Amino acid sequence: MSFQVPVSLWISGLVVVLVALIGLALFFGGWKRFLHGKFANGFGRVIIGAILLAAVGLTAAVAINLRSYHRLTYEQPVADLAFTQLAPQEFRASLTDARGRVRTKVLRGDEWELSARVLKWTGPGALLGFNALYHLDRLEGRYRNIEQEQRDYHTAVDLSGGGGLDVWSFARAHAWLPWVDASYGSATYLPMADGAEYRVSMSQTGLLARPTNAAAQQAVAHW
């Protein structure tokens, strides 16, 4: 899957670099003035430079976290899943994400569930052409029987590691933040079966899973 950086992001990056350079110039220029006895003028420049550098640092932390997200412009495949049965209600699940990374986990239950976090931009963010972003959250096993689901051992694998500032959680905790909507999560689930393979796609309406081989089609048909 190809990844193209929109012009708006290039412009945003150039603005951040420019602000960082201005902040550095003010900060070190202020210290130079301060050391030469121009205390008021130097101190003011140091403070303004420090504020600009702090803003750049926060932007960098956000950018690091957003790198773990994928742009969402139309329905596109986000993961392929394959299952091998090891025992009754026990399957080895292999998940291949959009970047080609493979994760393997033994899941217990009758069904698998894949969930994702979605960031949507509003207001000026939408006008600048920022696309919605998605981040796979977790893959887990489910028991069809509710009592067994509440009682038996539950298995799950975390898919959300990204580093930097956790933008999704931060935005959810601070709903007043402009431009970003983190109130949207999505999940899909289907039965596990020996040899079954599925493809999961993401669209603006959420996750959608489809069987891709006969074993999976048969499992869904008898689900």
N, C-alpha and C. Protein backbone atom coordinates (compact mmCIF):
# COMPACT_ATOMS: atom_id res chain seq x y z
N MET A 1 0.85 -1.19 0.00
CA MET A 1 0.00 0.00 0.00
C MET A 1 0.89 1.24 0.00
N SER A 2 0.72 2.11 -0.97
CA SER A 2 1.54 3.31 -1.06
C SER A 2 1.06 4.37 -0.07
N PHE A 3 2.01 5.18 0.38
CA PHE A 3 1.68 6.25 1.34
C PHE A 3 2.19 7.55 0.76
N GLN A 4 1.29 8.49 0.48
CA GLN A 4 1.65 9.78 -0.06
C GLN A 4 1.37 10.86 0.98
N VAL A 5 2.35 11.70 1.20
CA VAL A 5 2.20 12.77 2.18
C VAL A 5 1.50 13.95 1.52
N PRO A 6 0.36 14.40 2.05
CA PRO A 6 -0.34 15.53 1.46
C PRO A 6 0.46 16.82 1.58
N VAL A 7 0.19 17.75 0.66
CA VAL A 7 0.91 19.03 0.65
C VAL A 7 0.73 19.76 1.97
N SER A 8 -0.47 19.66 2.57
CA SER A 8 -0.72 20.35 3.84
C SER A 8 0.24 19.91 4.93
N LEU A 9 0.64 18.61 4.93
CA LEU A 9 1.57 18.13 5.95
C LEU A 9 2.99 18.64 5.70
N TRP A 10 3.36 18.74 4.40
CA TRP A 10 4.66 19.33 4.09
C TRP A 10 4.72 20.77 4.58
N ILE A 11 3.67 21.52 4.33
CA ILE A 11 3.61 22.92 4.77
C ILE A 11 3.69 22.99 6.29
N SER A 12 2.94 22.10 6.97
CA SER A 12 2.95 22.08 8.44
C SER A 12 4.36 21.79 8.95
N GLY A 13 5.05 20.85 8.29
CA GLY A 13 6.42 20.52 8.70
C GLY A 13 7.37 21.68 8.54
N LEU A 14 7.24 22.40 7.43
CA LEU A 14 8.10 23.56 7.20
C LEU A 14 7.84 24.65 8.24
N VAL A 15 6.56 24.83 8.61
CA VAL A 15 6.22 25.82 9.63
C VAL A 15 6.86 25.45 10.97
N VAL A 16 6.81 24.17 11.32
CA VAL A 16 7.40 23.71 12.58
C VAL A 16 8.91 23.96 12.59
N VAL A 17 9.57 23.64 11.46
CA VAL A 17 11.02 23.87 11.37
C VAL A 17 11.33 25.35 11.51
N LEU A 18 10.54 26.20 10.85
CA LEU A 18 10.76 27.65 10.93
C LEU A 18 10.59 28.16 12.36
N VAL A 19 9.54 27.69 13.03
CA VAL A 19 9.31 28.09 14.42
C VAL A 19 10.46 27.63 15.31
N ALA A 20 10.97 26.42 15.07
CA ALA A 20 12.10 25.91 15.86
C ALA A 20 13.33 26.78 15.66
N LEU A 21 13.60 27.19 14.42
CA LEU A 21 14.77 28.03 14.16
C LEU A 21 14.62 29.40 14.82
N ILE A 22 13.42 29.97 14.74
CA ILE A 22 13.17 31.25 15.40
C ILE A 22 13.34 31.11 16.92
N GLY A 23 12.80 30.02 17.48
CA GLY A 23 12.93 29.79 18.91
C GLY A 23 14.38 29.66 19.35
N LEU A 24 15.18 28.93 18.56
CA LEU A 24 16.60 28.78 18.90
C LEU A 24 17.33 30.12 18.82
N ALA A 25 17.01 30.90 17.77
CA ALA A 25 17.67 32.19 17.62
C ALA A 25 17.34 33.13 18.78
N LEU A 26 16.06 33.15 19.16
CA LEU A 26 15.66 34.01 20.28
C LEU A 26 16.28 33.54 21.59
N PHE A 27 16.27 32.22 21.80
CA PHE A 27 16.75 31.67 23.07
C PHE A 27 18.25 31.98 23.26
N PHE A 28 19.06 31.61 22.28
CA PHE A 28 20.51 31.82 22.43
C PHE A 28 20.89 33.29 22.27
N GLY A 29 20.15 34.02 21.40
CA GLY A 29 20.40 35.45 21.29
C GLY A 29 20.07 36.18 22.58
N GLY A 30 18.99 35.73 23.25
CA GLY A 30 18.62 36.32 24.52
C GLY A 30 19.67 36.08 25.58
N TRP A 31 20.22 34.85 25.61
CA TRP A 31 21.28 34.56 26.59
C TRP A 31 22.50 35.42 26.34
N LYS A 32 22.82 35.65 25.06
CA LYS A 32 23.98 36.48 24.73
C LYS A 32 23.78 37.90 25.23
N ARG A 33 22.56 38.42 25.00
CA ARG A 33 22.25 39.77 25.48
C ARG A 33 22.27 39.82 27.02
N PHE A 34 21.75 38.76 27.62
CA PHE A 34 21.69 38.69 29.08
C PHE A 34 23.11 38.73 29.67
N LEU A 35 24.04 37.98 29.06
CA LEU A 35 25.41 37.93 29.56
C LEU A 35 26.16 39.25 29.33
N HIS A 36 25.66 40.05 28.38
CA HIS A 36 26.28 41.34 28.11
C HIS A 36 25.60 42.47 28.89
N GLY A 37 24.79 42.10 29.86
CA GLY A 37 24.20 43.10 30.74
C GLY A 37 22.87 43.65 30.32
N LYS A 38 22.34 43.22 29.18
CA LYS A 38 21.02 43.69 28.73
C LYS A 38 19.97 42.74 29.30
N PHE A 39 19.74 42.87 30.60
CA PHE A 39 18.95 41.86 31.32
C PHE A 39 17.50 41.81 30.88
N ALA A 40 16.82 42.94 30.81
CA ALA A 40 15.39 42.94 30.47
C ALA A 40 15.16 42.41 29.06
N ASN A 41 15.91 42.94 28.11
CA ASN A 41 15.74 42.52 26.72
C ASN A 41 16.14 41.06 26.53
N GLY A 42 17.24 40.68 27.17
CA GLY A 42 17.72 39.30 27.04
C GLY A 42 16.77 38.30 27.67
N PHE A 43 16.27 38.64 28.86
CA PHE A 43 15.37 37.73 29.56
C PHE A 43 14.08 37.50 28.74
N GLY A 44 13.54 38.59 28.17
CA GLY A 44 12.32 38.46 27.36
C GLY A 44 12.54 37.55 26.17
N ARG A 45 13.67 37.68 25.48
CA ARG A 45 13.96 36.83 24.33
C ARG A 45 14.12 35.36 24.73
N VAL A 46 14.77 35.15 25.88
CA VAL A 46 14.93 33.77 26.36
C VAL A 46 13.57 33.12 26.63
N ILE A 47 12.67 33.86 27.28
CA ILE A 47 11.36 33.33 27.62
C ILE A 47 10.56 33.00 26.35
N ILE A 48 10.55 33.95 25.39
CA ILE A 48 9.81 33.71 24.15
C ILE A 48 10.40 32.53 23.38
N GLY A 49 11.72 32.47 23.32
CA GLY A 49 12.38 31.34 22.64
C GLY A 49 12.05 30.01 23.30
N ALA A 50 12.05 30.00 24.65
CA ALA A 50 11.74 28.76 25.38
C ALA A 50 10.30 28.32 25.10
N ILE A 51 9.37 29.28 25.03
CA ILE A 51 7.97 28.94 24.74
C ILE A 51 7.85 28.34 23.35
N LEU A 52 8.52 28.94 22.37
CA LEU A 52 8.46 28.41 21.01
C LEU A 52 9.08 27.02 20.92
N LEU A 53 10.19 26.80 21.60
CA LEU A 53 10.84 25.48 21.58
C LEU A 53 9.97 24.44 22.28
N ALA A 54 9.29 24.84 23.36
CA ALA A 54 8.38 23.91 24.04
C ALA A 54 7.23 23.52 23.12
N ALA A 55 6.72 24.50 22.36
CA ALA A 55 5.64 24.21 21.42
C ALA A 55 6.11 23.24 20.34
N VAL A 56 7.34 23.42 19.86
CA VAL A 56 7.90 22.51 18.86
C VAL A 56 8.07 21.12 19.45
N GLY A 57 8.53 21.05 20.70
CA GLY A 57 8.69 19.75 21.35
C GLY A 57 7.38 19.01 21.49
N LEU A 58 6.32 19.74 21.86
CA LEU A 58 5.00 19.12 21.98
C LEU A 58 4.52 18.65 20.61
N THR A 59 4.74 19.46 19.58
CA THR A 59 4.36 19.07 18.22
C THR A 59 5.09 17.81 17.79
N ALA A 60 6.38 17.72 18.14
CA ALA A 60 7.16 16.53 17.79
C ALA A 60 6.62 15.29 18.49
N ALA A 61 6.26 15.43 19.77
CA ALA A 61 5.70 14.29 20.51
C ALA A 61 4.40 13.81 19.89
N VAL A 62 3.57 14.76 19.45
CA VAL A 62 2.32 14.39 18.78
C VAL A 62 2.61 13.70 17.46
N ALA A 63 3.59 14.25 16.70
CA ALA A 63 3.91 13.68 15.39
C ALA A 63 4.44 12.26 15.51
N ILE A 64 5.25 12.00 16.55
CA ILE A 64 5.78 10.65 16.76
C ILE A 64 4.64 9.66 16.96
N ASN A 65 3.64 10.05 17.77
CA ASN A 65 2.51 9.17 18.01
C ASN A 65 1.67 8.98 16.76
N LEU A 66 1.47 10.05 15.99
CA LEU A 66 0.64 9.96 14.79
C LEU A 66 1.27 9.10 13.70
N ARG A 67 2.61 8.93 13.77
CA ARG A 67 3.27 8.06 12.79
C ARG A 67 2.78 6.62 12.88
N SER A 68 2.27 6.22 14.06
CA SER A 68 1.77 4.86 14.22
C SER A 68 0.37 4.70 13.65
N TYR A 69 -0.23 5.81 13.21
CA TYR A 69 -1.54 5.77 12.57
C TYR A 69 -1.38 5.71 11.05
N HIS A 70 -2.44 5.26 10.39
CA HIS A 70 -2.48 5.21 8.93
C HIS A 70 -3.53 6.20 8.43
N ARG A 71 -3.25 6.83 7.28
CA ARG A 71 -4.24 7.72 6.67
C ARG A 71 -5.41 6.90 6.15
N LEU A 72 -6.60 7.47 6.30
CA LEU A 72 -7.82 6.80 5.85
C LEU A 72 -8.54 7.72 4.87
N THR A 73 -8.46 7.37 3.59
CA THR A 73 -9.10 8.20 2.57
C THR A 73 -10.26 7.47 1.90
N TYR A 74 -10.27 6.16 1.91
CA TYR A 74 -11.33 5.36 1.32
C TYR A 74 -11.22 3.97 1.92
N GLU A 75 -12.14 3.07 1.57
CA GLU A 75 -12.04 1.71 2.13
C GLU A 75 -10.74 1.07 1.68
N GLN A 76 -9.98 0.57 2.63
CA GLN A 76 -8.70 -0.03 2.30
C GLN A 76 -8.39 -1.15 3.29
N PRO A 77 -7.67 -2.18 2.83
CA PRO A 77 -7.33 -3.29 3.73
C PRO A 77 -6.38 -2.84 4.82
N VAL A 78 -6.65 -3.27 6.05
CA VAL A 78 -5.79 -2.89 7.17
C VAL A 78 -5.13 -4.10 7.83
N ALA A 79 -5.67 -5.31 7.59
CA ALA A 79 -5.08 -6.50 8.22
C ALA A 79 -5.59 -7.76 7.53
N ASP A 80 -4.71 -8.76 7.48
CA ASP A 80 -5.09 -10.11 7.06
C ASP A 80 -4.92 -11.03 8.25
N LEU A 81 -5.90 -11.91 8.47
CA LEU A 81 -5.89 -12.82 9.61
C LEU A 81 -5.97 -14.26 9.13
N ALA A 82 -5.18 -15.13 9.75
CA ALA A 82 -5.20 -16.56 9.44
C ALA A 82 -5.21 -17.33 10.75
N PHE A 83 -5.96 -18.45 10.79
CA PHE A 83 -6.14 -19.21 12.03
C PHE A 83 -5.80 -20.68 11.84
N THR A 84 -5.14 -21.24 12.85
CA THR A 84 -4.85 -22.67 12.91
C THR A 84 -5.35 -23.20 14.24
N GLN A 85 -6.20 -24.21 14.21
CA GLN A 85 -6.75 -24.74 15.46
C GLN A 85 -5.74 -25.63 16.15
N LEU A 86 -5.52 -25.40 17.45
CA LEU A 86 -4.59 -26.18 18.25
C LEU A 86 -5.31 -27.16 19.17
N ALA A 87 -6.52 -26.78 19.60
CA ALA A 87 -7.32 -27.58 20.52
C ALA A 87 -8.73 -27.02 20.48
N PRO A 88 -9.70 -27.70 21.10
CA PRO A 88 -11.05 -27.11 21.14
C PRO A 88 -11.02 -25.71 21.76
N GLN A 89 -11.58 -24.75 21.04
CA GLN A 89 -11.63 -23.35 21.46
C GLN A 89 -10.24 -22.76 21.71
N GLU A 90 -9.27 -23.20 20.95
CA GLU A 90 -7.92 -22.65 21.05
C GLU A 90 -7.31 -22.59 19.64
N PHE A 91 -6.91 -21.37 19.22
CA PHE A 91 -6.43 -21.16 17.86
C PHE A 91 -5.17 -20.30 17.88
N ARG A 92 -4.26 -20.61 16.96
CA ARG A 92 -3.13 -19.73 16.74
C ARG A 92 -3.53 -18.74 15.66
N ALA A 93 -3.51 -17.45 16.01
CA ALA A 93 -3.92 -16.38 15.09
C ALA A 93 -2.68 -15.66 14.57
N SER A 94 -2.63 -15.45 13.26
CA SER A 94 -1.55 -14.69 12.64
C SER A 94 -2.14 -13.46 11.98
N LEU A 95 -1.71 -12.28 12.42
CA LEU A 95 -2.21 -11.01 11.89
C LEU A 95 -1.10 -10.30 11.13
N THR A 96 -1.37 -9.95 9.89
CA THR A 96 -0.44 -9.17 9.07
C THR A 96 -1.07 -7.80 8.83
N ASP A 97 -0.40 -6.74 9.30
CA ASP A 97 -1.00 -5.41 9.17
C ASP A 97 -0.62 -4.76 7.84
N ALA A 98 -1.06 -3.51 7.65
CA ALA A 98 -0.87 -2.82 6.37
C ALA A 98 0.59 -2.54 6.06
N ARG A 99 1.44 -2.57 7.08
CA ARG A 99 2.87 -2.34 6.87
C ARG A 99 3.65 -3.64 6.71
N GLY A 100 2.93 -4.75 6.67
CA GLY A 100 3.57 -6.05 6.47
C GLY A 100 4.10 -6.69 7.73
N ARG A 101 3.84 -6.10 8.89
CA ARG A 101 4.29 -6.70 10.14
C ARG A 101 3.38 -7.85 10.53
N VAL A 102 3.97 -8.94 10.97
CA VAL A 102 3.21 -10.14 11.33
C VAL A 102 3.27 -10.34 12.85
N ARG A 103 2.11 -10.57 13.44
CA ARG A 103 2.03 -10.86 14.86
C ARG A 103 1.25 -12.15 15.04
N THR A 104 1.77 -13.00 15.91
CA THR A 104 1.14 -14.29 16.16
C THR A 104 0.78 -14.41 17.63
N LYS A 105 -0.44 -14.90 17.89
CA LYS A 105 -0.93 -15.02 19.27
C LYS A 105 -1.90 -16.19 19.35
N VAL A 106 -1.83 -16.93 20.43
CA VAL A 106 -2.81 -18.00 20.67
C VAL A 106 -4.03 -17.37 21.33
N LEU A 107 -5.20 -17.54 20.68
CA LEU A 107 -6.45 -16.99 21.18
C LEU A 107 -7.36 -18.13 21.61
N ARG A 108 -8.07 -17.91 22.69
CA ARG A 108 -9.05 -18.89 23.16
C ARG A 108 -10.45 -18.36 22.90
N GLY A 109 -11.35 -19.25 22.51
CA GLY A 109 -12.72 -18.85 22.27
C GLY A 109 -13.26 -19.42 20.97
N ASP A 110 -14.38 -18.88 20.54
CA ASP A 110 -15.03 -19.31 19.30
C ASP A 110 -14.92 -18.26 18.20
N GLU A 111 -14.67 -17.03 18.59
CA GLU A 111 -14.64 -15.92 17.64
C GLU A 111 -13.42 -15.04 17.90
N TRP A 112 -13.02 -14.30 16.90
CA TRP A 112 -11.98 -13.29 17.05
C TRP A 112 -12.61 -11.91 16.91
N GLU A 113 -12.00 -10.94 17.57
CA GLU A 113 -12.47 -9.56 17.46
C GLU A 113 -11.27 -8.64 17.28
N LEU A 114 -11.33 -7.77 16.27
CA LEU A 114 -10.29 -6.78 16.02
C LEU A 114 -10.89 -5.40 16.21
N SER A 115 -10.22 -4.55 16.99
CA SER A 115 -10.72 -3.19 17.23
C SER A 115 -9.68 -2.17 16.80
N ALA A 116 -10.15 -0.95 16.56
CA ALA A 116 -9.27 0.12 16.10
C ALA A 116 -9.69 1.44 16.71
N ARG A 117 -8.74 2.36 16.81
CA ARG A 117 -9.01 3.73 17.21
C ARG A 117 -8.99 4.60 15.95
N VAL A 118 -9.85 5.59 15.90
CA VAL A 118 -9.92 6.46 14.73
C VAL A 118 -9.87 7.91 15.18
N LEU A 119 -9.00 8.69 14.53
CA LEU A 119 -8.91 10.12 14.76
C LEU A 119 -9.50 10.83 13.55
N LYS A 120 -10.47 11.68 13.77
CA LYS A 120 -11.05 12.47 12.69
C LYS A 120 -10.78 13.95 12.96
N TRP A 121 -10.52 14.69 11.89
CA TRP A 121 -10.23 16.11 12.00
C TRP A 121 -11.48 16.92 11.71
N THR A 122 -11.66 17.98 12.45
CA THR A 122 -12.82 18.85 12.27
C THR A 122 -12.36 20.29 12.05
N GLY A 123 -13.28 21.16 11.66
CA GLY A 123 -12.98 22.58 11.51
C GLY A 123 -11.82 22.84 10.57
N PRO A 124 -10.84 23.67 11.00
CA PRO A 124 -9.71 24.00 10.13
C PRO A 124 -8.91 22.78 9.70
N GLY A 125 -8.83 21.74 10.57
CA GLY A 125 -8.11 20.53 10.20
C GLY A 125 -8.71 19.87 8.99
N ALA A 126 -10.03 19.79 8.94
CA ALA A 126 -10.71 19.21 7.78
C ALA A 126 -10.53 20.09 6.54
N LEU A 127 -10.59 21.42 6.74
CA LEU A 127 -10.43 22.33 5.61
C LEU A 127 -9.04 22.27 5.02
N LEU A 128 -8.02 21.97 5.85
CA LEU A 128 -6.65 21.84 5.37
C LEU A 128 -6.41 20.53 4.65
N GLY A 129 -7.41 19.64 4.65
CA GLY A 129 -7.29 18.38 3.92
C GLY A 129 -6.68 17.24 4.72
N PHE A 130 -6.62 17.37 6.05
CA PHE A 130 -6.10 16.28 6.86
C PHE A 130 -7.06 15.10 6.80
N ASN A 131 -6.53 13.92 6.47
CA ASN A 131 -7.37 12.73 6.39
C ASN A 131 -7.57 12.11 7.76
N ALA A 132 -8.67 11.39 7.91
CA ALA A 132 -8.87 10.61 9.12
C ALA A 132 -7.73 9.59 9.25
N LEU A 133 -7.39 9.25 10.48
CA LEU A 133 -6.31 8.31 10.75
C LEU A 133 -6.85 7.16 11.57
N TYR A 134 -6.32 5.97 11.33
CA TYR A 134 -6.74 4.82 12.14
C TYR A 134 -5.51 4.14 12.73
N HIS A 135 -5.73 3.45 13.82
CA HIS A 135 -4.67 2.74 14.54
C HIS A 135 -5.28 1.46 15.09
N LEU A 136 -4.81 0.30 14.66
CA LEU A 136 -5.30 -0.96 15.21
C LEU A 136 -5.04 -0.99 16.71
N ASP A 137 -6.02 -1.40 17.48
CA ASP A 137 -5.94 -1.32 18.93
C ASP A 137 -5.63 -2.67 19.58
N ARG A 138 -6.49 -3.67 19.33
CA ARG A 138 -6.24 -4.98 19.92
C ARG A 138 -6.93 -6.09 19.13
N LEU A 139 -6.38 -7.30 19.27
CA LEU A 139 -6.98 -8.51 18.73
C LEU A 139 -7.24 -9.43 19.91
N GLU A 140 -8.46 -9.95 20.00
CA GLU A 140 -8.80 -10.79 21.15
C GLU A 140 -9.73 -11.92 20.76
N GLY A 141 -9.76 -12.94 21.63
CA GLY A 141 -10.67 -14.06 21.44
C GLY A 141 -11.97 -13.84 22.21
N ARG A 142 -13.06 -14.37 21.67
CA ARG A 142 -14.38 -14.24 22.30
C ARG A 142 -15.04 -15.61 22.37
N TYR A 143 -15.78 -15.82 23.45
CA TYR A 143 -16.60 -17.02 23.56
C TYR A 143 -18.02 -16.68 23.12
N ARG A 144 -18.61 -17.56 22.36
CA ARG A 144 -19.97 -17.30 21.89
C ARG A 144 -20.96 -17.32 23.05
N ASN A 145 -20.71 -18.21 24.02
CA ASN A 145 -21.58 -18.31 25.18
C ASN A 145 -21.24 -17.21 26.18
N ILE A 146 -22.23 -16.41 26.56
CA ILE A 146 -21.98 -15.27 27.44
C ILE A 146 -21.44 -15.70 28.80
N GLU A 147 -21.98 -16.77 29.37
CA GLU A 147 -21.51 -17.23 30.67
C GLU A 147 -20.05 -17.66 30.59
N GLN A 148 -19.68 -18.32 29.49
CA GLN A 148 -18.28 -18.72 29.32
C GLN A 148 -17.38 -17.50 29.11
N GLU A 149 -17.90 -16.51 28.41
CA GLU A 149 -17.15 -15.27 28.20
C GLU A 149 -16.85 -14.59 29.52
N GLN A 150 -17.78 -14.64 30.45
CA GLN A 150 -17.60 -14.01 31.75
C GLN A 150 -16.72 -14.84 32.68
N ARG A 151 -16.67 -16.15 32.44
CA ARG A 151 -16.02 -17.04 33.38
C ARG A 151 -14.63 -17.50 32.95
N ASP A 152 -14.44 -17.83 31.68
CA ASP A 152 -13.22 -18.49 31.24
C ASP A 152 -12.09 -17.52 30.92
N TYR A 153 -10.91 -18.10 30.72
CA TYR A 153 -9.69 -17.33 30.47
C TYR A 153 -9.82 -16.53 29.18
N HIS A 154 -9.49 -15.24 29.28
CA HIS A 154 -9.63 -14.33 28.14
C HIS A 154 -8.24 -14.03 27.56
N THR A 155 -8.12 -14.02 26.24
CA THR A 155 -6.84 -13.77 25.59
C THR A 155 -6.94 -12.56 24.67
N ALA A 156 -5.88 -11.75 24.65
CA ALA A 156 -5.88 -10.56 23.80
C ALA A 156 -4.43 -10.15 23.55
N VAL A 157 -4.21 -9.45 22.45
CA VAL A 157 -2.90 -8.92 22.12
C VAL A 157 -3.03 -7.42 21.83
N ASP A 158 -2.15 -6.63 22.41
CA ASP A 158 -2.16 -5.18 22.24
C ASP A 158 -1.48 -4.83 20.92
N LEU A 159 -2.16 -4.06 20.08
CA LEU A 159 -1.62 -3.65 18.78
C LEU A 159 -1.35 -2.16 18.72
N SER A 160 -1.46 -1.46 19.84
CA SER A 160 -1.51 0.00 19.82
C SER A 160 -0.19 0.69 20.12
N GLY A 161 0.90 -0.04 20.31
CA GLY A 161 2.15 0.62 20.66
C GLY A 161 2.60 1.61 19.60
N GLY A 162 2.86 2.87 20.00
CA GLY A 162 3.24 3.88 19.02
C GLY A 162 4.29 4.85 19.50
N GLY A 163 4.42 5.05 20.81
CA GLY A 163 5.38 6.01 21.34
C GLY A 163 4.87 7.44 21.23
N GLY A 164 5.62 8.34 21.83
CA GLY A 164 5.24 9.75 21.81
C GLY A 164 4.01 10.00 22.68
N LEU A 165 3.43 11.17 22.49
CA LEU A 165 2.22 11.53 23.22
C LEU A 165 1.03 10.75 22.66
N ASP A 166 0.28 10.06 23.53
CA ASP A 166 -0.89 9.29 23.10
C ASP A 166 -2.01 10.27 22.73
N VAL A 167 -2.07 10.63 21.46
CA VAL A 167 -2.99 11.67 21.00
C VAL A 167 -4.44 11.25 21.22
N TRP A 168 -4.77 9.99 20.93
CA TRP A 168 -6.15 9.53 21.03
C TRP A 168 -6.66 9.64 22.46
N SER A 169 -5.87 9.12 23.41
CA SER A 169 -6.29 9.17 24.82
C SER A 169 -6.32 10.60 25.33
N PHE A 170 -5.34 11.41 24.93
CA PHE A 170 -5.29 12.79 25.36
C PHE A 170 -6.50 13.56 24.84
N ALA A 171 -6.85 13.33 23.56
CA ALA A 171 -7.99 14.03 22.97
C ALA A 171 -9.31 13.58 23.61
N ARG A 172 -9.41 12.30 23.98
CA ARG A 172 -10.62 11.82 24.64
C ARG A 172 -10.76 12.43 26.04
N ALA A 173 -9.63 12.60 26.71
CA ALA A 173 -9.67 13.16 28.06
C ALA A 173 -9.90 14.67 28.05
N HIS A 174 -9.65 15.31 26.90
CA HIS A 174 -9.81 16.75 26.78
C HIS A 174 -10.68 17.04 25.57
N ALA A 175 -11.97 16.78 25.74
CA ALA A 175 -12.91 16.90 24.62
C ALA A 175 -13.00 18.31 24.06
N TRP A 176 -12.51 19.31 24.80
CA TRP A 176 -12.58 20.69 24.35
C TRP A 176 -11.54 21.00 23.28
N LEU A 177 -10.58 20.08 23.04
CA LEU A 177 -9.54 20.36 22.06
C LEU A 177 -10.14 20.61 20.68
N PRO A 178 -9.67 21.66 19.99
CA PRO A 178 -10.20 21.94 18.65
C PRO A 178 -9.61 21.01 17.61
N TRP A 179 -10.27 20.87 16.49
CA TRP A 179 -9.77 20.22 15.28
C TRP A 179 -9.79 18.70 15.32
N VAL A 180 -9.79 18.06 16.49
CA VAL A 180 -9.65 16.61 16.53
C VAL A 180 -10.83 15.97 17.24
N ASP A 181 -11.31 14.86 16.67
CA ASP A 181 -12.42 14.09 17.24
C ASP A 181 -11.92 12.68 17.48
N ALA A 182 -11.77 12.31 18.77
CA ALA A 182 -11.27 10.98 19.12
C ALA A 182 -12.36 10.13 19.77
N SER A 183 -13.61 10.48 19.52
CA SER A 183 -14.71 9.76 20.15
C SER A 183 -15.13 8.54 19.35
N TYR A 184 -14.36 8.19 18.33
CA TYR A 184 -14.76 7.15 17.40
C TYR A 184 -13.85 5.94 17.51
N GLY A 185 -14.44 4.81 17.86
CA GLY A 185 -13.74 3.54 17.84
C GLY A 185 -14.55 2.56 17.01
N SER A 186 -13.91 1.50 16.56
CA SER A 186 -14.61 0.54 15.72
C SER A 186 -14.09 -0.86 15.99
N ALA A 187 -14.94 -1.86 15.81
CA ALA A 187 -14.54 -3.25 16.01
C ALA A 187 -15.34 -4.15 15.08
N THR A 188 -14.75 -5.28 14.75
CA THR A 188 -15.45 -6.29 13.95
C THR A 188 -15.07 -7.66 14.47
N TYR A 189 -15.97 -8.63 14.35
CA TYR A 189 -15.66 -9.98 14.83
C TYR A 189 -16.34 -11.02 13.94
N LEU A 190 -15.69 -12.18 13.83
CA LEU A 190 -16.19 -13.31 13.04
C LEU A 190 -15.67 -14.60 13.69
N PRO A 191 -16.20 -15.76 13.27
CA PRO A 191 -15.79 -17.01 13.93
C PRO A 191 -14.36 -17.43 13.57
N MET A 192 -13.71 -18.08 14.52
CA MET A 192 -12.42 -18.72 14.26
C MET A 192 -12.68 -20.15 13.78
N ALA A 193 -11.84 -20.62 12.87
CA ALA A 193 -11.94 -21.98 12.36
C ALA A 193 -10.58 -22.40 11.83
N ASP A 194 -10.32 -23.70 11.84
CA ASP A 194 -9.03 -24.20 11.37
C ASP A 194 -8.84 -23.87 9.89
N GLY A 195 -7.75 -23.18 9.57
CA GLY A 195 -7.44 -22.83 8.19
C GLY A 195 -8.17 -21.61 7.67
N ALA A 196 -9.01 -20.97 8.48
CA ALA A 196 -9.78 -19.83 8.02
C ALA A 196 -8.90 -18.60 7.84
N GLU A 197 -9.19 -17.83 6.79
CA GLU A 197 -8.46 -16.60 6.52
C GLU A 197 -9.46 -15.47 6.25
N TYR A 198 -9.15 -14.29 6.78
CA TYR A 198 -10.03 -13.13 6.64
C TYR A 198 -9.20 -11.91 6.25
N ARG A 199 -9.87 -10.99 5.59
CA ARG A 199 -9.29 -9.66 5.33
C ARG A 199 -10.18 -8.62 6.00
N VAL A 200 -9.54 -7.72 6.74
CA VAL A 200 -10.25 -6.65 7.43
C VAL A 200 -9.93 -5.33 6.73
N SER A 201 -10.98 -4.58 6.41
CA SER A 201 -10.83 -3.28 5.76
C SER A 201 -11.38 -2.19 6.66
N MET A 202 -10.89 -0.97 6.45
CA MET A 202 -11.38 0.17 7.19
C MET A 202 -11.92 1.20 6.21
N SER A 203 -13.07 1.75 6.52
CA SER A 203 -13.65 2.83 5.74
C SER A 203 -14.04 3.95 6.69
N GLN A 204 -14.64 4.99 6.17
CA GLN A 204 -15.07 6.10 7.02
C GLN A 204 -16.16 5.66 8.00
N THR A 205 -16.81 4.51 7.74
CA THR A 205 -17.86 4.03 8.63
C THR A 205 -17.36 2.99 9.62
N GLY A 206 -16.10 2.53 9.50
CA GLY A 206 -15.58 1.58 10.47
C GLY A 206 -14.95 0.34 9.85
N LEU A 207 -14.64 -0.64 10.71
CA LEU A 207 -14.00 -1.88 10.27
C LEU A 207 -15.01 -2.82 9.64
N LEU A 208 -14.56 -3.57 8.65
CA LEU A 208 -15.39 -4.55 7.96
C LEU A 208 -14.52 -5.76 7.64
N ALA A 209 -14.95 -6.96 8.06
CA ALA A 209 -14.19 -8.18 7.83
C ALA A 209 -14.92 -9.06 6.81
N ARG A 210 -14.11 -9.70 5.94
CA ARG A 210 -14.67 -10.60 4.92
C ARG A 210 -13.85 -11.88 4.88
N PRO A 211 -14.48 -13.05 4.71
CA PRO A 211 -13.72 -14.29 4.53
C PRO A 211 -13.03 -14.30 3.18
N THR A 212 -11.84 -14.86 3.12
CA THR A 212 -11.08 -14.89 1.86
C THR A 212 -10.74 -16.29 1.38
N ASN A 213 -11.18 -17.32 2.10
CA ASN A 213 -10.99 -18.68 1.60
C ASN A 213 -12.20 -19.54 1.99
N ALA A 214 -12.20 -20.78 1.51
CA ALA A 214 -13.36 -21.66 1.69
C ALA A 214 -13.60 -21.98 3.17
N ALA A 215 -12.52 -22.17 3.94
CA ALA A 215 -12.67 -22.51 5.36
C ALA A 215 -13.37 -21.37 6.10
N ALA A 216 -13.00 -20.15 5.81
CA ALA A 216 -13.62 -19.01 6.46
C ALA A 216 -15.07 -18.83 6.00
N GLN A 217 -15.32 -19.02 4.71
CA GLN A 217 -16.69 -18.91 4.19
C GLN A 217 -17.60 -19.94 4.85
N GLN A 218 -17.09 -21.14 5.01
CA GLN A 218 -17.89 -22.19 5.64
C GLN A 218 -18.16 -21.86 7.11
N ALA A 219 -17.15 -21.33 7.81
CA ALA A 219 -17.33 -20.96 9.21
C ALA A 219 -18.37 -19.89 9.36
N VAL A 220 -18.36 -18.89 8.48
CA VAL A 220 -19.34 -17.82 8.54
C VAL A 220 -20.73 -18.34 8.20
N ALA A 221 -20.82 -19.25 7.25
CA ALA A 221 -22.11 -19.79 6.84
C ALA A 221 -22.79 -20.56 7.96
N HIS A 222 -22.00 -21.21 8.82
CA HIS A 222 -22.55 -22.00 9.93
C HIS A 222 -22.47 -21.26 11.26
N TRP A 223 -22.22 -19.98 11.23
CA TRP A 223 -22.01 -19.18 12.43
C TRP A 223 -23.32 -18.89 13.13
